[in-house]
């Protein structure tokens, strides 16, 4: 076998080091991106749950608005919530 010259050994070593550094940088970047994707997916799931809660709350509020347009319900609500009374009616508040 022929011996490698000093220059050739240096070139091979230099290229091996550059190759190893490139692979480490690539793996590091890939792991970072995968971690970011996982975190984004968790955030998306959390936001979907919040969105569904807000949709439910919106439906409840729309229902409440439609019920409050009924004069009988509005009068009952005012009597219960704000202790209003009809003429001649006595209100007794019981603490729970």
C-alpha atoms as a PDB file:
ATOM      1  CA  UNK A   1       0.000   0.000   0.000  1.00  0.00           C
ATOM      2  CA  UNK A   2       1.079   3.465  -0.670  1.00  0.00           C
ATOM      3  CA  UNK A   3       1.477   5.913   2.131  1.00  0.00           C
ATOM      4  CA  UNK A   4      -0.616   9.046   2.111  1.00  0.00           C
ATOM      5  CA  UNK A   5       1.194  12.269   1.953  1.00  0.00           C
ATOM      6  CA  UNK A   6       0.930  14.804   4.753  1.00  0.00           C
ATOM      7  CA  UNK A   7      -1.245  17.073   2.566  1.00  0.00           C
ATOM      8  CA  UNK A   8      -3.683  14.279   1.776  1.00  0.00           C
ATOM      9  CA  UNK A   9      -4.011  13.337   5.457  1.00  0.00           C
ATOM     10  CA  UNK A  10      -4.733  16.966   6.301  1.00  0.00           C
ATOM     11  CA  UNK A  11      -7.380  17.215   3.571  1.00  0.00           C
ATOM     12  CA  UNK A  12      -9.113  14.001   4.681  1.00  0.00           C
ATOM     13  CA  UNK A  13      -9.079  15.089   8.332  1.00  0.00           C
ATOM     14  CA  UNK A  14     -10.328  18.566   7.463  1.00  0.00           C
ATOM     15  CA  UNK A  15     -13.153  17.194   5.293  1.00  0.00           C
ATOM     16  CA  UNK A  16     -14.133  14.671   7.981  1.00  0.00           C
ATOM     17  CA  UNK A  17     -14.328  17.431  10.604  1.00  0.00           C
ATOM     18  CA  UNK A  18     -16.390  19.663   8.287  1.00  0.00           C
ATOM     19  CA  UNK A  19     -18.688  16.731   7.515  1.00  0.00           C
ATOM     20  CA  UNK A  20     -19.181  15.912  11.211  1.00  0.00           C
ATOM     21  CA  UNK A  21     -19.871  19.574  12.069  1.00  0.00           C
ATOM     22  CA  UNK A  22     -22.382  19.771   9.200  1.00  0.00           C
ATOM     23  CA  UNK A  23     -24.201  16.647  10.410  1.00  0.00           C
ATOM     24  CA  UNK A  24     -24.326  17.927  14.009  1.00  0.00           C
ATOM     25  CA  UNK A  25     -25.700  21.285  12.827  1.00  0.00           C
ATOM     26  CA  UNK A  26     -28.312  19.553  10.658  1.00  0.00           C
ATOM     27  CA  UNK A  27     -29.453  17.243  13.473  1.00  0.00           C
ATOM     28  CA  UNK A  28     -29.559  20.115  15.943  1.00  0.00           C
ATOM     29  CA  UNK A  29     -31.674  22.230  13.606  1.00  0.00           C
ATOM     30  CA  UNK A  30     -33.996  19.329  12.853  1.00  0.00           C
ATOM     31  CA  UNK A  31     -34.534  18.584  16.546  1.00  0.00           C
ATOM     32  CA  UNK A  32     -35.250  22.252  17.173  1.00  0.00           C
ATOM     33  CA  UNK A  33     -37.859  22.370  14.403  1.00  0.00           C
ATOM     34  CA  UNK A  34     -39.510  19.147  15.557  1.00  0.00           C
ATOM     35  CA  UNK A  35     -39.713  20.512  19.092  1.00  0.00           C
ATOM     36  CA  UNK A  36     -41.277  23.714  17.804  1.00  0.00           C
ATOM     37  CA  UNK A  37     -43.819  21.739  15.746  1.00  0.00           C
ATOM     38  CA  UNK A  38     -44.814  19.671  18.784  1.00  0.00           C
ATOM     39  CA  UNK A  39     -45.256  22.827  20.868  1.00  0.00           C
ATOM     40  CA  UNK A  40     -47.327  24.446  18.119  1.00  0.00           C
ATOM     41  CA  UNK A  41     -49.563  21.380  17.894  1.00  0.00           C
ATOM     42  CA  UNK A  42     -50.145  21.478  21.662  1.00  0.00           C
ATOM     43  CA  UNK A  43     -51.001  25.177  21.406  1.00  0.00           C
ATOM     44  CA  UNK A  44     -53.405  24.464  18.533  1.00  0.00           C
ATOM     45  CA  UNK A  45     -55.230  21.841  20.610  1.00  0.00           C
ATOM     46  CA  UNK A  46     -55.465  24.235  23.550  1.00  0.00           C
ATOM     47  CA  UNK A  47     -56.806  27.001  21.300  1.00  0.00           C
ATOM     48  CA  UNK A  48     -59.346  24.621  19.740  1.00  0.00           C
ATOM     49  CA  UNK A  49     -60.681  23.826  23.210  1.00  0.00           C
ATOM     50  CA  UNK A  50     -60.866  27.524  24.058  1.00  0.00           C
ATOM     51  CA  UNK A  51     -62.610  28.211  20.754  1.00  0.00           C
ATOM     52  CA  UNK A  52     -65.206  25.504  21.429  1.00  0.00           C
ATOM     53  CA  UNK A  53     -65.801  26.913  24.920  1.00  0.00           C
ATOM     54  CA  UNK A  54     -66.311  30.383  23.445  1.00  0.00           C
ATOM     55  CA  UNK A  55     -68.750  29.012  20.854  1.00  0.00           C
ATOM     56  CA  UNK A  56     -70.760  27.356  23.627  1.00  0.00           C
ATOM     57  CA  UNK A  57     -70.703  30.570  25.638  1.00  0.00           C
ATOM     58  CA  UNK A  58     -71.860  32.522  22.569  1.00  0.00           C
ATOM     59  CA  UNK A  59     -74.779  30.132  22.053  1.00  0.00           C
ATOM     60  CA  UNK A  60     -75.749  30.472  25.722  1.00  0.00           C
ATOM     61  CA  UNK A  61     -75.639  34.264  25.492  1.00  0.00           C
ATOM     62  CA  UNK A  62     -77.729  34.280  22.308  1.00  0.00           C
ATOM     63  CA  UNK A  63     -80.258  32.054  24.032  1.00  0.00           C
ATOM     64  CA  UNK A  64     -80.301  34.388  27.037  1.00  0.00           C
ATOM     65  CA  UNK A  65     -80.841  37.386  24.740  1.00  0.00           C
ATOM     66  CA  UNK A  66     -83.812  35.735  23.068  1.00  0.00           C
ATOM     67  CA  UNK A  67     -85.301  34.791  26.469  1.00  0.00           C
ATOM     68  CA  UNK A  68     -84.804  38.327  27.806  1.00  0.00           C
ATOM     69  CA  UNK A  69     -86.926  39.661  24.951  1.00  0.00           C
ATOM     70  CA  UNK A  70     -89.888  37.808  26.478  1.00  0.00           C
ATOM     71  CA  UNK A  71     -91.555  40.235  28.965  1.00  0.00           C
ATOM     72  CA  UNK A  72     -92.618  37.459  31.367  1.00  0.00           C
ATOM     73  CA  UNK A  73     -89.132  35.972  31.553  1.00  0.00           C
ATOM     74  CA  UNK A  74     -87.589  39.426  31.947  1.00  0.00           C
ATOM     75  CA  UNK A  75     -89.935  40.238  34.851  1.00  0.00           C
ATOM     76  CA  UNK A  76     -89.162  36.899  36.534  1.00  0.00           C
ATOM     77  CA  UNK A  77     -85.426  37.417  35.998  1.00  0.00           C
ATOM     78  CA  UNK A  78     -85.559  40.944  37.486  1.00  0.00           C
ATOM     79  CA  UNK A  79     -87.485  39.671  40.525  1.00  0.00           C
ATOM     80  CA  UNK A  80     -85.022  36.845  41.148  1.00  0.00           C
ATOM     81  CA  UNK A  81     -81.779  38.630  40.345  1.00  0.00           C
ATOM     82  CA  UNK A  82     -82.442  42.193  41.532  1.00  0.00           C
ATOM     83  CA  UNK A  83     -85.183  41.575  44.125  1.00  0.00           C
ATOM     84  CA  UNK A  84     -87.825  43.620  42.298  1.00  0.00           C
ATOM     85  CA  UNK A  85     -91.406  42.988  43.279  1.00  0.00           C
ATOM     86  CA  UNK A  86     -94.867  43.411  41.894  1.00  0.00           C
ATOM     87  CA  UNK A  87     -97.303  45.797  43.568  1.00  0.00           C
ATOM     88  CA  UNK A  88     -98.383  44.319  46.880  1.00  0.00           C
ATOM     89  CA  UNK A  89     -95.726  41.603  46.800  1.00  0.00           C
ATOM     90  CA  UNK A  90     -93.361  41.126  49.754  1.00  0.00           C
ATOM     91  CA  UNK A  91     -89.799  39.945  49.200  1.00  0.00           C
ATOM     92  CA  UNK A  92     -88.077  37.811  51.808  1.00  0.00           C
ATOM     93  CA  UNK A  93     -84.395  37.154  51.164  1.00  0.00           C
ATOM     94  CA  UNK A  94     -83.028  33.928  52.602  1.00  0.00           C
ATOM     95  CA  UNK A  95     -79.259  33.624  52.937  1.00  0.00           C
ATOM     96  CA  UNK A  96     -77.847  30.233  51.987  1.00  0.00           C
END
